[in-house]
Amino acid sequence: MGSTDKIVRIILAAVFATLFFTGTVKGVLGIVLVILGGIFLATSMISFCPLYSIFGMSTCPTKQQ
């Protein structure tokens, strides 16, 4: 997982948490956003996204030799 991907995921997690805890988004949608934000935060911390491996994607830059 590339650093840009990690930063975007952390920012989205913070936005989702802010929306939920300020009461802007409530109910089922709010809970879904908080769970999704938690997943984004966890995957950015461990630098691994299971969906990327399933679909064969990578956002990590490769080094040229």
C-alpha atoms as a PDB file:
ATOM      1  CA  MET A   1       0.000   0.000   0.000  1.00  0.00           C
ATOM      2  CA  GLY A   2       1.431   3.354  -1.030  1.00  0.00           C
ATOM      3  CA  SER A   3       1.790   6.311   1.312  1.00  0.00           C
ATOM      4  CA  THR A   4      -0.792   8.373  -0.599  1.00  0.00           C
ATOM      5  CA  ASP A   5      -3.306   5.573  -0.181  1.00  0.00           C
ATOM      6  CA  LYS A   6      -2.578   5.423   3.559  1.00  0.00           C
ATOM      7  CA  ILE A   7      -3.025   9.180   3.970  1.00  0.00           C
ATOM      8  CA  VAL A   8      -6.330   9.189   2.060  1.00  0.00           C
ATOM      9  CA  ARG A   9      -7.639   6.308   4.176  1.00  0.00           C
ATOM     10  CA  ILE A  10      -6.672   8.047   7.442  1.00  0.00           C
ATOM     11  CA  ILE A  11      -8.304  11.301   6.333  1.00  0.00           C
ATOM     12  CA  LEU A  12     -11.505   9.488   5.305  1.00  0.00           C
ATOM     13  CA  ALA A  13     -11.584   7.655   8.646  1.00  0.00           C
ATOM     14  CA  ALA A  14     -11.264  10.976  10.484  1.00  0.00           C
ATOM     15  CA  VAL A  15     -14.004  12.574   8.363  1.00  0.00           C
ATOM     16  CA  PHE A  16     -16.363   9.623   8.922  1.00  0.00           C
ATOM     17  CA  ALA A  17     -15.740   9.701  12.688  1.00  0.00           C
ATOM     18  CA  THR A  18     -16.267  13.462  12.811  1.00  0.00           C
ATOM     19  CA  LEU A  19     -19.536  13.214  10.878  1.00  0.00           C
ATOM     20  CA  PHE A  20     -20.825  10.520  13.216  1.00  0.00           C
ATOM     21  CA  PHE A  21     -19.702  11.970  16.548  1.00  0.00           C
ATOM     22  CA  THR A  22     -20.938  15.491  15.753  1.00  0.00           C
ATOM     23  CA  GLY A  23     -24.354  14.064  14.904  1.00  0.00           C
ATOM     24  CA  THR A  24     -24.259  15.125  11.259  1.00  0.00           C
ATOM     25  CA  VAL A  25     -24.809  11.529  10.130  1.00  0.00           C
ATOM     26  CA  LYS A  26     -26.988   9.359  12.357  1.00  0.00           C
ATOM     27  CA  GLY A  27     -28.555   5.948  12.397  1.00  0.00           C
ATOM     28  CA  VAL A  28     -27.537   3.027  10.252  1.00  0.00           C
ATOM     29  CA  LEU A  29     -25.567   5.172   7.793  1.00  0.00           C
ATOM     30  CA  GLY A  30     -23.562   6.670  10.639  1.00  0.00           C
ATOM     31  CA  ILE A  31     -22.729   3.263  12.061  1.00  0.00           C
ATOM     32  CA  VAL A  32     -21.734   1.977   8.616  1.00  0.00           C
ATOM     33  CA  LEU A  33     -19.439   4.986   8.124  1.00  0.00           C
ATOM     34  CA  VAL A  34     -17.784   4.459  11.521  1.00  0.00           C
ATOM     35  CA  ILE A  35     -17.193   0.772  10.752  1.00  0.00           C
ATOM     36  CA  LEU A  36     -15.842   1.632   7.310  1.00  0.00           C
ATOM     37  CA  GLY A  37     -13.597   4.285   8.864  1.00  0.00           C
ATOM     38  CA  GLY A  38     -12.294   1.721  11.342  1.00  0.00           C
ATOM     39  CA  ILE A  39     -11.484  -0.655   8.499  1.00  0.00           C
ATOM     40  CA  PHE A  40      -9.739   2.143   6.591  1.00  0.00           C
ATOM     41  CA  LEU A  41      -7.705   3.056   9.672  1.00  0.00           C
ATOM     42  CA  ALA A  42      -6.757  -0.551  10.421  1.00  0.00           C
ATOM     43  CA  THR A  43      -5.714  -1.327   6.843  1.00  0.00           C
ATOM     44  CA  SER A  44      -3.631   1.832   6.648  1.00  0.00           C
ATOM     45  CA  MET A  45      -1.863   0.993   9.921  1.00  0.00           C
ATOM     46  CA  ILE A  46      -0.948  -2.548   8.848  1.00  0.00           C
ATOM     47  CA  SER A  47      -0.238  -1.484   5.232  1.00  0.00           C
ATOM     48  CA  PHE A  48      -2.335  -4.279   3.784  1.00  0.00           C
ATOM     49  CA  CYS A  49      -5.702  -4.269   2.069  1.00  0.00           C
ATOM     50  CA  PRO A  50      -7.291  -7.690   1.504  1.00  0.00           C
ATOM     51  CA  LEU A  51      -9.362  -6.406  -1.427  1.00  0.00           C
ATOM     52  CA  TYR A  52      -6.219  -5.267  -3.222  1.00  0.00           C
ATOM     53  CA  SER A  53      -4.758  -8.764  -3.022  1.00  0.00           C
ATOM     54  CA  ILE A  54      -8.001 -10.357  -4.231  1.00  0.00           C
ATOM     55  CA  PHE A  55      -8.147  -8.088  -7.285  1.00  0.00           C
ATOM     56  CA  GLY A  56      -4.379  -8.079  -7.844  1.00  0.00           C
ATOM     57  CA  MET A  57      -4.027  -4.335  -7.300  1.00  0.00           C
ATOM     58  CA  SER A  58      -1.200  -2.410  -5.682  1.00  0.00           C
ATOM     59  CA  THR A  59      -0.738   1.270  -4.871  1.00  0.00           C
ATOM     60  CA  CYS A  60       2.817   0.760  -3.684  1.00  0.00           C
ATOM     61  CA  PRO A  61       5.348   2.279  -6.082  1.00  0.00           C
ATOM     62  CA  THR A  62       7.859  -0.156  -7.516  1.00  0.00           C
ATOM     63  CA  LYS A  63      11.562   0.630  -7.472  1.00  0.00           C
ATOM     64  CA  GLN A  64      13.340   0.897 -10.817  1.00  0.00           C
ATOM     65  CA  GLN A  65      16.764  -0.727 -11.100  1.00  0.00           C
END
